[in-house]
């Protein structure tokens, strides 16, 4: 443990082909909360209304949660029935996404592969195992983040999404982002980075820095796709640097990784 953050295990570092975890040094002092002895107890004049206010607040909360859940059901149904591009003709399953629907961190890749198409879940198989290790290296898991793709259907032969396919599918991703309201996004691969940032800059020049998602201002850190890292393990050291940058960003945003 260092500064309350989780140190990745040797197994996770081995999976990433790396050795030693490095935390950013910080000399900042934590601000204290309320001084000892402060209380927020209601005065006698308002104490009689507390129960009534609690009931009203609870009703509003339940209504908001109900609307939120309905919105998720609607977008899931729309994705499952989508025929906006030709990919619906060859898919086995749509791949909506997986994880916490109130996640502080979203991971966005390019498109489902054969395994994802068969199982209806993003990042399974060897690439998914590597992604799990990447998350564990910063104290995260796929249960604490939300993982999605630019496309919800698999392109034939795992080809890159065409501009038309990405355009047709983008409203679904935008709706997911609106509902989740993540504090940060990790863009996995060039396709994801180009679509989120609305640029064509090579991924090698985009990675290693914090960008902003086009039109939203959400911080985005591009890094290499796990499938690319399986083909070119020498890129794992750079990907690990991106993970450390992400860990620092999350800390600055007040997101715990423990």
C-alpha atoms as a PDB file:
ATOM      1  CA  UNK A   1       0.000   0.000   0.000  1.00  0.00           C
ATOM      2  CA  UNK A   2       1.156   3.564  -0.739  1.00  0.00           C
ATOM      3  CA  UNK A   3      -0.896   6.664   0.054  1.00  0.00           C
ATOM      4  CA  UNK A   4      -3.984   4.456   0.371  1.00  0.00           C
ATOM      5  CA  UNK A   5      -3.687   3.104  -3.165  1.00  0.00           C
ATOM      6  CA  UNK A   6      -3.457  -0.521  -4.157  1.00  0.00           C
ATOM      7  CA  UNK A   7      -0.081  -1.816  -5.323  1.00  0.00           C
ATOM      8  CA  UNK A   8      -0.411  -4.298  -8.193  1.00  0.00           C
ATOM      9  CA  UNK A   9       0.639  -7.836  -7.450  1.00  0.00           C
ATOM     10  CA  UNK A  10       3.648  -9.506  -9.029  1.00  0.00           C
ATOM     11  CA  UNK A  11       1.255 -11.629 -11.098  1.00  0.00           C
ATOM     12  CA  UNK A  12      -0.391  -8.563 -12.666  1.00  0.00           C
ATOM     13  CA  UNK A  13       2.985  -6.956 -13.406  1.00  0.00           C
ATOM     14  CA  UNK A  14       4.220 -10.217 -14.916  1.00  0.00           C
ATOM     15  CA  UNK A  15       1.161 -10.344 -17.182  1.00  0.00           C
ATOM     16  CA  UNK A  16       2.048  -6.826 -18.344  1.00  0.00           C
ATOM     17  CA  UNK A  17       5.673  -7.840 -18.843  1.00  0.00           C
ATOM     18  CA  UNK A  18       6.857  -5.309 -16.275  1.00  0.00           C
ATOM     19  CA  UNK A  19       8.625  -5.291 -12.953  1.00  0.00           C
ATOM     20  CA  UNK A  20       8.207  -2.444 -10.496  1.00  0.00           C
ATOM     21  CA  UNK A  21       5.198  -0.250  -9.754  1.00  0.00           C
ATOM     22  CA  UNK A  22       5.949   3.449  -9.258  1.00  0.00           C
ATOM     23  CA  UNK A  23       3.591   5.877  -7.511  1.00  0.00           C
ATOM     24  CA  UNK A  24       3.710   9.611  -8.066  1.00  0.00           C
ATOM     25  CA  UNK A  25       5.230  11.364  -5.046  1.00  0.00           C
ATOM     26  CA  UNK A  26       2.965  13.932  -3.487  1.00  0.00           C
ATOM     27  CA  UNK A  27       3.691  16.488  -0.788  1.00  0.00           C
ATOM     28  CA  UNK A  28       0.169  17.842  -0.717  1.00  0.00           C
ATOM     29  CA  UNK A  29      -1.519  17.756   2.659  1.00  0.00           C
ATOM     30  CA  UNK A  30      -5.083  16.531   2.910  1.00  0.00           C
ATOM     31  CA  UNK A  31      -7.501  19.172   4.009  1.00  0.00           C
ATOM     32  CA  UNK A  32      -9.297  18.399   7.231  1.00  0.00           C
ATOM     33  CA  UNK A  33     -13.061  18.109   7.398  1.00  0.00           C
ATOM     34  CA  UNK A  34     -15.364  19.735   9.920  1.00  0.00           C
ATOM     35  CA  UNK A  35     -13.690  20.738  13.158  1.00  0.00           C
ATOM     36  CA  UNK A  36     -14.255  18.502  16.137  1.00  0.00           C
ATOM     37  CA  UNK A  37     -17.403  19.308  17.986  1.00  0.00           C
ATOM     38  CA  UNK A  38     -19.351  20.717  15.002  1.00  0.00           C
ATOM     39  CA  UNK A  39     -22.851  19.354  14.636  1.00  0.00           C
ATOM     40  CA  UNK A  40     -25.499  19.684  11.987  1.00  0.00           C
ATOM     41  CA  UNK A  41     -28.474  18.754  14.163  1.00  0.00           C
ATOM     42  CA  UNK A  42     -31.731  20.489  13.178  1.00  0.00           C
ATOM     43  CA  UNK A  43     -32.957  23.265  15.461  1.00  0.00           C
ATOM     44  CA  UNK A  44     -36.173  22.884  17.401  1.00  0.00           C
ATOM     45  CA  UNK A  45     -38.003  25.077  14.895  1.00  0.00           C
ATOM     46  CA  UNK A  46     -37.440  22.706  11.973  1.00  0.00           C
ATOM     47  CA  UNK A  47     -37.182  19.340  13.714  1.00  0.00           C
ATOM     48  CA  UNK A  48     -40.880  18.681  13.277  1.00  0.00           C
ATOM     49  CA  UNK A  49     -40.570  18.767   9.465  1.00  0.00           C
ATOM     50  CA  UNK A  50     -37.669  16.304   9.206  1.00  0.00           C
ATOM     51  CA  UNK A  51     -39.769  13.172   8.683  1.00  0.00           C
ATOM     52  CA  UNK A  52     -41.941  14.858   6.078  1.00  0.00           C
ATOM     53  CA  UNK A  53     -38.852  16.067   4.198  1.00  0.00           C
ATOM     54  CA  UNK A  54     -37.319  12.583   4.336  1.00  0.00           C
ATOM     55  CA  UNK A  55     -40.438  11.064   2.749  1.00  0.00           C
ATOM     56  CA  UNK A  56     -40.459  13.713   0.012  1.00  0.00           C
ATOM     57  CA  UNK A  57     -36.748  13.272  -0.711  1.00  0.00           C
ATOM     58  CA  UNK A  58     -37.084   9.479  -0.823  1.00  0.00           C
ATOM     59  CA  UNK A  59     -39.954   9.725  -3.317  1.00  0.00           C
ATOM     60  CA  UNK A  60     -37.946  12.036  -5.554  1.00  0.00           C
ATOM     61  CA  UNK A  61     -34.941   9.701  -5.371  1.00  0.00           C
ATOM     62  CA  UNK A  62     -37.037   6.676  -6.288  1.00  0.00           C
ATOM     63  CA  UNK A  63     -38.589   8.542  -9.204  1.00  0.00           C
ATOM     64  CA  UNK A  64     -35.158   9.601 -10.473  1.00  0.00           C
ATOM     65  CA  UNK A  65     -33.821   6.057 -10.150  1.00  0.00           C
ATOM     66  CA  UNK A  66     -36.854   4.732 -11.979  1.00  0.00           C
ATOM     67  CA  UNK A  67     -36.331   7.134 -14.874  1.00  0.00           C
ATOM     68  CA  UNK A  68     -32.634   6.248 -14.958  1.00  0.00           C
ATOM     69  CA  UNK A  69     -33.336   2.517 -15.125  1.00  0.00           C
ATOM     70  CA  UNK A  70     -35.954   3.024 -17.835  1.00  0.00           C
ATOM     71  CA  UNK A  71     -33.474   4.991 -19.922  1.00  0.00           C
ATOM     72  CA  UNK A  72     -30.946   2.150 -19.650  1.00  0.00           C
ATOM     73  CA  UNK A  73     -33.608  -0.398 -20.670  1.00  0.00           C
ATOM     74  CA  UNK A  74     -34.571   1.735 -23.662  1.00  0.00           C
ATOM     75  CA  UNK A  75     -31.052   2.117 -25.004  1.00  0.00           C
ATOM     76  CA  UNK A  76     -30.297  -1.591 -24.423  1.00  0.00           C
ATOM     77  CA  UNK A  77     -33.409  -2.537 -26.385  1.00  0.00           C
ATOM     78  CA  UNK A  78     -32.545  -0.127 -29.182  1.00  0.00           C
ATOM     79  CA  UNK A  79     -29.060  -1.614 -29.489  1.00  0.00           C
ATOM     80  CA  UNK A  80     -30.349  -5.195 -29.496  1.00  0.00           C
ATOM     81  CA  UNK A  81     -32.803  -4.375 -32.310  1.00  0.00           C
ATOM     82  CA  UNK A  82     -30.572  -2.021 -34.317  1.00  0.00           C
ATOM     83  CA  UNK A  83     -30.560  -2.359 -38.121  1.00  0.00           C
ATOM     84  CA  UNK A  84     -29.020   1.035 -38.967  1.00  0.00           C
ATOM     85  CA  UNK A  85     -26.047  -0.462 -40.825  1.00  0.00           C
ATOM     86  CA  UNK A  86     -25.300  -3.698 -42.656  1.00  0.00           C
ATOM     87  CA  UNK A  87     -23.477  -5.251 -39.698  1.00  0.00           C
ATOM     88  CA  UNK A  88     -26.781  -6.442 -38.233  1.00  0.00           C
ATOM     89  CA  UNK A  89     -26.969  -9.006 -41.049  1.00  0.00           C
ATOM     90  CA  UNK A  90     -23.853 -10.886 -39.922  1.00  0.00           C
ATOM     91  CA  UNK A  91     -23.828 -10.458 -36.147  1.00  0.00           C
ATOM     92  CA  UNK A  92     -24.640 -13.223 -33.673  1.00  0.00           C
ATOM     93  CA  UNK A  93     -25.086 -10.859 -30.746  1.00  0.00           C
ATOM     94  CA  UNK A  94     -24.923  -7.154 -30.166  1.00  0.00           C
ATOM     95  CA  UNK A  95     -22.271  -6.181 -27.618  1.00  0.00           C
ATOM     96  CA  UNK A  96     -23.802  -3.459 -25.501  1.00  0.00           C
ATOM     97  CA  UNK A  97     -21.151  -3.138 -22.823  1.00  0.00           C
ATOM     98  CA  UNK A  98     -20.541  -4.370 -19.306  1.00  0.00           C
ATOM     99  CA  UNK A  99     -19.736  -2.991 -15.879  1.00  0.00           C
ATOM    100  CA  UNK A 100     -20.959  -0.439 -13.370  1.00  0.00           C
ATOM    101  CA  UNK A 101     -23.601   1.914 -14.726  1.00  0.00           C
ATOM    102  CA  UNK A 102     -22.381   4.661 -12.384  1.00  0.00           C
ATOM    103  CA  UNK A 103     -18.672   4.100 -13.069  1.00  0.00           C
ATOM    104  CA  UNK A 104     -16.157   6.914 -12.676  1.00  0.00           C
ATOM    105  CA  UNK A 105     -14.036   5.344 -15.425  1.00  0.00           C
ATOM    106  CA  UNK A 106     -15.112   4.146 -18.882  1.00  0.00           C
ATOM    107  CA  UNK A 107     -12.969   2.009 -21.162  1.00  0.00           C
ATOM    108  CA  UNK A 108     -13.825   2.248 -24.848  1.00  0.00           C
ATOM    109  CA  UNK A 109     -12.429  -0.018 -27.549  1.00  0.00           C
ATOM    110  CA  UNK A 110     -13.103  -0.249 -31.263  1.00  0.00           C
ATOM    111  CA  UNK A 111     -15.463  -3.145 -32.059  1.00  0.00           C
ATOM    112  CA  UNK A 112     -16.363  -6.689 -30.976  1.00  0.00           C
ATOM    113  CA  UNK A 113     -14.294  -9.600 -32.245  1.00  0.00           C
ATOM    114  CA  UNK A 114     -15.384 -13.182 -32.848  1.00  0.00           C
ATOM    115  CA  UNK A 115     -15.385 -14.140 -29.160  1.00  0.00           C
ATOM    116  CA  UNK A 116     -17.266 -10.987 -28.191  1.00  0.00           C
ATOM    117  CA  UNK A 117     -19.813 -11.540 -30.967  1.00  0.00           C
ATOM    118  CA  UNK A 118     -20.387 -15.098 -29.733  1.00  0.00           C
ATOM    119  CA  UNK A 119     -20.738 -14.151 -26.049  1.00  0.00           C
ATOM    120  CA  UNK A 120     -22.267 -10.679 -26.296  1.00  0.00           C
ATOM    121  CA  UNK A 121     -19.644  -9.222 -23.935  1.00  0.00           C
ATOM    122  CA  UNK A 122     -16.714  -6.910 -24.727  1.00  0.00           C
ATOM    123  CA  UNK A 123     -13.080  -7.896 -24.236  1.00  0.00           C
ATOM    124  CA  UNK A 124     -13.157 -11.624 -23.601  1.00  0.00           C
ATOM    125  CA  UNK A 125     -10.508 -14.187 -24.475  1.00  0.00           C
ATOM    126  CA  UNK A 126      -6.787 -13.360 -24.323  1.00  0.00           C
ATOM    127  CA  UNK A 127      -7.288  -9.640 -24.912  1.00  0.00           C
ATOM    128  CA  UNK A 128      -9.846  -9.561 -22.119  1.00  0.00           C
ATOM    129  CA  UNK A 129      -7.485 -11.331 -19.733  1.00  0.00           C
ATOM    130  CA  UNK A 130      -4.768  -8.791 -20.467  1.00  0.00           C
ATOM    131  CA  UNK A 131      -7.225  -5.933 -19.980  1.00  0.00           C
ATOM    132  CA  UNK A 132      -8.190  -7.380 -16.586  1.00  0.00           C
ATOM    133  CA  UNK A 133      -4.513  -7.326 -15.601  1.00  0.00           C
ATOM    134  CA  UNK A 134      -4.167  -3.743 -16.823  1.00  0.00           C
ATOM    135  CA  UNK A 135      -7.124  -2.742 -14.647  1.00  0.00           C
ATOM    136  CA  UNK A 136      -5.775  -4.635 -11.648  1.00  0.00           C
ATOM    137  CA  UNK A 137      -2.487  -2.746 -12.022  1.00  0.00           C
ATOM    138  CA  UNK A 138      -4.306   0.450 -11.007  1.00  0.00           C
ATOM    139  CA  UNK A 139      -6.497  -1.175  -8.380  1.00  0.00           C
ATOM    140  CA  UNK A 140      -9.548  -1.493 -10.643  1.00  0.00           C
ATOM    141  CA  UNK A 141     -11.679  -4.346 -11.980  1.00  0.00           C
ATOM    142  CA  UNK A 142     -14.266  -4.617 -14.731  1.00  0.00           C
ATOM    143  CA  UNK A 143     -16.981  -4.585 -12.065  1.00  0.00           C
ATOM    144  CA  UNK A 144     -15.948  -1.039 -11.087  1.00  0.00           C
ATOM    145  CA  UNK A 145     -15.636   0.407 -14.594  1.00  0.00           C
ATOM    146  CA  UNK A 146     -17.838   0.351 -17.679  1.00  0.00           C
ATOM    147  CA  UNK A 147     -16.424  -1.226 -20.833  1.00  0.00           C
ATOM    148  CA  UNK A 148     -17.870  -0.520 -24.274  1.00  0.00           C
ATOM    149  CA  UNK A 149     -16.862  -0.182 -27.919  1.00  0.00           C
ATOM    150  CA  UNK A 150     -17.275   2.320 -30.725  1.00  0.00           C
ATOM    151  CA  UNK A 151     -19.351  -0.337 -32.535  1.00  0.00           C
ATOM    152  CA  UNK A 152     -21.929  -2.636 -30.964  1.00  0.00           C
ATOM    153  CA  UNK A 153     -21.695  -5.252 -33.756  1.00  0.00           C
ATOM    154  CA  UNK A 154     -18.725  -7.188 -35.094  1.00  0.00           C
ATOM    155  CA  UNK A 155     -17.359  -6.095 -38.491  1.00  0.00           C
ATOM    156  CA  UNK A 156     -16.617  -8.989 -40.879  1.00  0.00           C
ATOM    157  CA  UNK A 157     -13.107 -10.401 -40.468  1.00  0.00           C
ATOM    158  CA  UNK A 158     -12.520  -8.037 -37.540  1.00  0.00           C
ATOM    159  CA  UNK A 159     -12.001  -5.115 -39.883  1.00  0.00           C
ATOM    160  CA  UNK A 160     -11.760  -1.573 -38.526  1.00  0.00           C
ATOM    161  CA  UNK A 161     -15.091   0.258 -38.310  1.00  0.00           C
ATOM    162  CA  UNK A 162     -15.917   2.318 -41.366  1.00  0.00           C
ATOM    163  CA  UNK A 163     -16.799   6.004 -40.876  1.00  0.00           C
ATOM    164  CA  UNK A 164     -20.423   5.200 -41.768  1.00  0.00           C
ATOM    165  CA  UNK A 165     -20.630   2.337 -39.245  1.00  0.00           C
ATOM    166  CA  UNK A 166     -19.093   4.493 -36.513  1.00  0.00           C
ATOM    167  CA  UNK A 167     -21.499   7.340 -37.313  1.00  0.00           C
ATOM    168  CA  UNK A 168     -24.574   5.094 -37.176  1.00  0.00           C
ATOM    169  CA  UNK A 169     -23.494   3.553 -33.865  1.00  0.00           C
ATOM    170  CA  UNK A 170     -22.238   6.720 -32.177  1.00  0.00           C
ATOM    171  CA  UNK A 171     -25.595   7.827 -30.688  1.00  0.00           C
ATOM    172  CA  UNK A 172     -25.696   4.631 -28.608  1.00  0.00           C
ATOM    173  CA  UNK A 173     -22.226   5.280 -27.193  1.00  0.00           C
ATOM    174  CA  UNK A 174     -23.075   8.929 -26.568  1.00  0.00           C
ATOM    175  CA  UNK A 175     -26.177   7.868 -24.656  1.00  0.00           C
ATOM    176  CA  UNK A 176     -24.153   5.475 -22.511  1.00  0.00           C
ATOM    177  CA  UNK A 177     -21.688   8.245 -21.705  1.00  0.00           C
ATOM    178  CA  UNK A 178     -24.544  10.624 -20.841  1.00  0.00           C
ATOM    179  CA  UNK A 179     -26.103   8.084 -18.475  1.00  0.00           C
ATOM    180  CA  UNK A 180     -22.852   7.019 -16.813  1.00  0.00           C
ATOM    181  CA  UNK A 181     -21.262  10.479 -16.670  1.00  0.00           C
ATOM    182  CA  UNK A 182     -17.733   9.110 -16.225  1.00  0.00           C
ATOM    183  CA  UNK A 183     -15.031  11.319 -14.826  1.00  0.00           C
ATOM    184  CA  UNK A 184     -12.459   9.879 -17.239  1.00  0.00           C
ATOM    185  CA  UNK A 185     -12.211   7.637 -20.308  1.00  0.00           C
ATOM    186  CA  UNK A 186      -9.428   5.248 -21.314  1.00  0.00           C
ATOM    187  CA  UNK A 187      -9.441   4.943 -25.114  1.00  0.00           C
ATOM    188  CA  UNK A 188      -8.161   1.515 -26.138  1.00  0.00           C
ATOM    189  CA  UNK A 189      -6.526   1.730 -29.544  1.00  0.00           C
ATOM    190  CA  UNK A 190      -6.350   4.142 -32.451  1.00  0.00           C
ATOM    191  CA  UNK A 191      -9.937   3.664 -33.656  1.00  0.00           C
ATOM    192  CA  UNK A 192     -11.394   4.543 -30.261  1.00  0.00           C
ATOM    193  CA  UNK A 193      -9.046   7.506 -29.794  1.00  0.00           C
ATOM    194  CA  UNK A 194      -9.738   8.913 -33.273  1.00  0.00           C
ATOM    195  CA  UNK A 195     -13.505   8.680 -32.841  1.00  0.00           C
ATOM    196  CA  UNK A 196     -13.574  10.108 -29.315  1.00  0.00           C
ATOM    197  CA  UNK A 197     -11.147  12.943 -30.006  1.00  0.00           C
ATOM    198  CA  UNK A 198     -12.203  13.611 -33.611  1.00  0.00           C
ATOM    199  CA  UNK A 199      -8.601  13.513 -34.837  1.00  0.00           C
ATOM    200  CA  UNK A 200      -6.499  11.328 -37.125  1.00  0.00           C
ATOM    201  CA  UNK A 201      -3.226  11.644 -35.213  1.00  0.00           C
ATOM    202  CA  UNK A 202      -1.375   8.308 -34.875  1.00  0.00           C
ATOM    203  CA  UNK A 203      -1.955   6.572 -31.555  1.00  0.00           C
ATOM    204  CA  UNK A 204       1.774   6.645 -30.827  1.00  0.00           C
ATOM    205  CA  UNK A 205       1.635  10.439 -30.741  1.00  0.00           C
ATOM    206  CA  UNK A 206      -1.675  10.632 -28.872  1.00  0.00           C
ATOM    207  CA  UNK A 207      -0.741   8.329 -26.016  1.00  0.00           C
ATOM    208  CA  UNK A 208       1.158   9.600 -23.003  1.00  0.00           C
ATOM    209  CA  UNK A 209      -1.059  12.673 -22.573  1.00  0.00           C
ATOM    210  CA  UNK A 210      -4.495  13.663 -21.309  1.00  0.00           C
ATOM    211  CA  UNK A 211      -6.908  14.905 -23.988  1.00  0.00           C
ATOM    212  CA  UNK A 212     -10.558  15.951 -23.923  1.00  0.00           C
ATOM    213  CA  UNK A 213     -13.417  14.140 -25.617  1.00  0.00           C
ATOM    214  CA  UNK A 214     -14.768  16.162 -28.498  1.00  0.00           C
ATOM    215  CA  UNK A 215     -17.892  18.055 -27.445  1.00  0.00           C
ATOM    216  CA  UNK A 216     -17.937  16.924 -23.802  1.00  0.00           C
ATOM    217  CA  UNK A 217     -14.699  17.948 -22.132  1.00  0.00           C
ATOM    218  CA  UNK A 218     -14.341  14.527 -20.446  1.00  0.00           C
ATOM    219  CA  UNK A 219     -10.626  13.707 -19.946  1.00  0.00           C
ATOM    220  CA  UNK A 220      -9.455  10.960 -22.299  1.00  0.00           C
ATOM    221  CA  UNK A 221      -6.194   9.018 -22.085  1.00  0.00           C
ATOM    222  CA  UNK A 222      -5.428   7.035 -25.261  1.00  0.00           C
ATOM    223  CA  UNK A 223      -3.362   3.862 -25.033  1.00  0.00           C
ATOM    224  CA  UNK A 224      -2.691   0.757 -27.075  1.00  0.00           C
ATOM    225  CA  UNK A 225      -5.413  -1.845 -27.559  1.00  0.00           C
ATOM    226  CA  UNK A 226      -4.821  -5.092 -25.601  1.00  0.00           C
ATOM    227  CA  UNK A 227      -4.991  -7.098 -28.857  1.00  0.00           C
ATOM    228  CA  UNK A 228      -2.166  -4.927 -30.258  1.00  0.00           C
ATOM    229  CA  UNK A 229      -0.121  -5.546 -27.107  1.00  0.00           C
ATOM    230  CA  UNK A 230      -0.543  -9.290 -27.559  1.00  0.00           C
ATOM    231  CA  UNK A 231       0.947  -8.963 -31.044  1.00  0.00           C
ATOM    232  CA  UNK A 232       3.637  -6.473 -30.001  1.00  0.00           C
ATOM    233  CA  UNK A 233       4.568  -7.091 -26.346  1.00  0.00           C
ATOM    234  CA  UNK A 234       7.250  -4.405 -26.546  1.00  0.00           C
ATOM    235  CA  UNK A 235       4.444  -1.848 -26.335  1.00  0.00           C
ATOM    236  CA  UNK A 236       3.456  -3.000 -22.830  1.00  0.00           C
ATOM    237  CA  UNK A 237       5.938  -0.671 -21.117  1.00  0.00           C
ATOM    238  CA  UNK A 238       4.386   2.360 -22.831  1.00  0.00           C
ATOM    239  CA  UNK A 239       0.884   1.105 -22.031  1.00  0.00           C
ATOM    240  CA  UNK A 240       1.917   0.797 -18.398  1.00  0.00           C
ATOM    241  CA  UNK A 241       3.078   4.416 -18.460  1.00  0.00           C
ATOM    242  CA  UNK A 242      -0.399   5.342 -19.727  1.00  0.00           C
ATOM    243  CA  UNK A 243      -1.939   3.406 -16.838  1.00  0.00           C
ATOM    244  CA  UNK A 244       0.189   5.327 -14.340  1.00  0.00           C
ATOM    245  CA  UNK A 245      -0.920   8.559 -16.010  1.00  0.00           C
ATOM    246  CA  UNK A 246      -4.530   7.380 -15.682  1.00  0.00           C
ATOM    247  CA  UNK A 247      -3.970   6.517 -12.019  1.00  0.00           C
ATOM    248  CA  UNK A 248      -2.643  10.035 -11.395  1.00  0.00           C
ATOM    249  CA  UNK A 249      -5.582  11.579 -13.269  1.00  0.00           C
ATOM    250  CA  UNK A 250      -8.095   9.581 -11.235  1.00  0.00           C
ATOM    251  CA  UNK A 251      -6.379  10.653  -8.039  1.00  0.00           C
ATOM    252  CA  UNK A 252      -6.565  14.301  -9.126  1.00  0.00           C
ATOM    253  CA  UNK A 253     -10.277  13.811  -9.868  1.00  0.00           C
ATOM    254  CA  UNK A 254     -10.883  12.374  -6.416  1.00  0.00           C
ATOM    255  CA  UNK A 255     -11.509   8.805  -7.634  1.00  0.00           C
ATOM    256  CA  UNK A 256     -10.278   6.099  -5.280  1.00  0.00           C
ATOM    257  CA  UNK A 257      -8.552   3.082  -6.828  1.00  0.00           C
ATOM    258  CA  UNK A 258      -8.432   1.067  -3.611  1.00  0.00           C
END
